[in-house]
Amino acid sequence: MPCYDYKCTKCVEIKSVIMSVARHGVEKIFCDKCDAPMYQQIAAPAIVNRANLRIAKAGRRTKI
């Protein structure tokens, strides 16, 4: 299941919520501290595959 980050509109509290794709966008998320509505933070997903790891490792090797 994906993890979504939400930020409170009132107290600026940030919370990570794990929910199914079917529930995402349907349920309203509220702050635990002040009960204000929270909105979703936009974040880039962390996608790592074997090709990216090979490129990263090759970039570290430098010959002098």
C-alpha atoms as a PDB file:
ATOM      1  CA  MET A   1       0.000   0.000   0.000  1.00  0.00           C
ATOM      2  CA  PRO A   2       1.252   3.495  -0.763  1.00  0.00           C
ATOM      3  CA  CYS A   3       2.161   6.008   1.913  1.00  0.00           C
ATOM      4  CA  TYR A   4       0.801   9.557   1.569  1.00  0.00           C
ATOM      5  CA  ASP A   5       2.034  12.641   3.436  1.00  0.00           C
ATOM      6  CA  TYR A   6      -0.546  15.128   4.714  1.00  0.00           C
ATOM      7  CA  LYS A   7      -0.056  18.600   6.203  1.00  0.00           C
ATOM      8  CA  CYS A   8      -2.456  20.350   8.582  1.00  0.00           C
ATOM      9  CA  THR A   9      -3.956  23.644   7.414  1.00  0.00           C
ATOM     10  CA  LYS A  10      -3.947  25.087  10.930  1.00  0.00           C
ATOM     11  CA  CYS A  11      -1.006  23.862  13.034  1.00  0.00           C
ATOM     12  CA  VAL A  12       1.293  22.713  10.164  1.00  0.00           C
ATOM     13  CA  GLU A  13       1.573  19.174  11.587  1.00  0.00           C
ATOM     14  CA  ILE A  14       2.800  16.612   9.019  1.00  0.00           C
ATOM     15  CA  LYS A  15       1.492  13.050   9.114  1.00  0.00           C
ATOM     16  CA  SER A  16       2.194  10.002   6.952  1.00  0.00           C
ATOM     17  CA  VAL A  17      -0.832   7.832   6.212  1.00  0.00           C
ATOM     18  CA  ILE A  18      -0.753   4.360   4.673  1.00  0.00           C
ATOM     19  CA  MET A  19      -3.949   3.682   2.738  1.00  0.00           C
ATOM     20  CA  SER A  20      -5.126   1.782  -0.292  1.00  0.00           C
ATOM     21  CA  VAL A  21      -5.433   3.466  -3.663  1.00  0.00           C
ATOM     22  CA  ALA A  22      -9.212   2.913  -3.570  1.00  0.00           C
ATOM     23  CA  ARG A  23      -9.534   4.871  -0.284  1.00  0.00           C
ATOM     24  CA  HIS A  24      -7.173   7.669  -1.380  1.00  0.00           C
ATOM     25  CA  GLY A  25      -9.075  10.772  -2.432  1.00  0.00           C
ATOM     26  CA  VAL A  26     -12.335   9.472  -0.956  1.00  0.00           C
ATOM     27  CA  GLU A  27     -11.526   9.826   2.755  1.00  0.00           C
ATOM     28  CA  LYS A  28     -10.919  13.181   4.410  1.00  0.00           C
ATOM     29  CA  ILE A  29      -7.883  13.253   6.720  1.00  0.00           C
ATOM     30  CA  PHE A  30      -8.014  15.367   9.883  1.00  0.00           C
ATOM     31  CA  CYS A  31      -5.231  16.475  12.232  1.00  0.00           C
ATOM     32  CA  ASP A  32      -4.811  14.540  15.483  1.00  0.00           C
ATOM     33  CA  LYS A  33      -3.892  17.692  17.442  1.00  0.00           C
ATOM     34  CA  CYS A  34      -6.425  20.313  16.340  1.00  0.00           C
ATOM     35  CA  ASP A  35      -9.003  18.386  14.206  1.00  0.00           C
ATOM     36  CA  ALA A  36      -8.440  20.708  11.235  1.00  0.00           C
ATOM     37  CA  PRO A  37      -8.535  19.244   7.728  1.00  0.00           C
ATOM     38  CA  MET A  38      -5.228  18.134   6.222  1.00  0.00           C
ATOM     39  CA  TYR A  39      -4.158  18.346   2.586  1.00  0.00           C
ATOM     40  CA  GLN A  40      -1.849  16.032   0.694  1.00  0.00           C
ATOM     41  CA  GLN A  41       1.769  17.016   0.243  1.00  0.00           C
ATOM     42  CA  ILE A  42       3.198  16.445  -3.228  1.00  0.00           C
ATOM     43  CA  ALA A  43       6.359  14.332  -3.087  1.00  0.00           C
ATOM     44  CA  ALA A  44       8.406  12.474  -5.650  1.00  0.00           C
ATOM     45  CA  PRO A  45       8.243   8.715  -5.276  1.00  0.00           C
ATOM     46  CA  ALA A  46      11.418   6.884  -4.395  1.00  0.00           C
ATOM     47  CA  ILE A  47      11.836   4.443  -7.252  1.00  0.00           C
ATOM     48  CA  VAL A  48      14.982   2.352  -7.324  1.00  0.00           C
ATOM     49  CA  ASN A  49      15.696  -0.309  -9.885  1.00  0.00           C
ATOM     50  CA  ARG A  50      18.805  -2.244 -10.897  1.00  0.00           C
ATOM     51  CA  ALA A  51      19.701   0.075 -13.794  1.00  0.00           C
ATOM     52  CA  ASN A  52      19.697   3.118 -11.497  1.00  0.00           C
ATOM     53  CA  LEU A  53      21.930   1.333  -8.995  1.00  0.00           C
ATOM     54  CA  ARG A  54      24.440   0.353 -11.710  1.00  0.00           C
ATOM     55  CA  ILE A  55      24.628   3.959 -12.950  1.00  0.00           C
ATOM     56  CA  ALA A  56      25.053   5.299  -9.406  1.00  0.00           C
ATOM     57  CA  LYS A  57      27.816   2.804  -8.616  1.00  0.00           C
ATOM     58  CA  ALA A  58      29.608   3.480 -11.927  1.00  0.00           C
ATOM     59  CA  GLY A  59      29.542   7.230 -11.236  1.00  0.00           C
ATOM     60  CA  ARG A  60      31.401   6.753  -7.938  1.00  0.00           C
ATOM     61  CA  ARG A  61      34.340   4.996  -9.592  1.00  0.00           C
ATOM     62  CA  THR A  62      36.848   7.519 -10.817  1.00  0.00           C
ATOM     63  CA  LYS A  63      40.336   6.709 -12.029  1.00  0.00           C
ATOM     64  CA  ILE A  64      43.172   9.046 -11.142  1.00  0.00           C
END
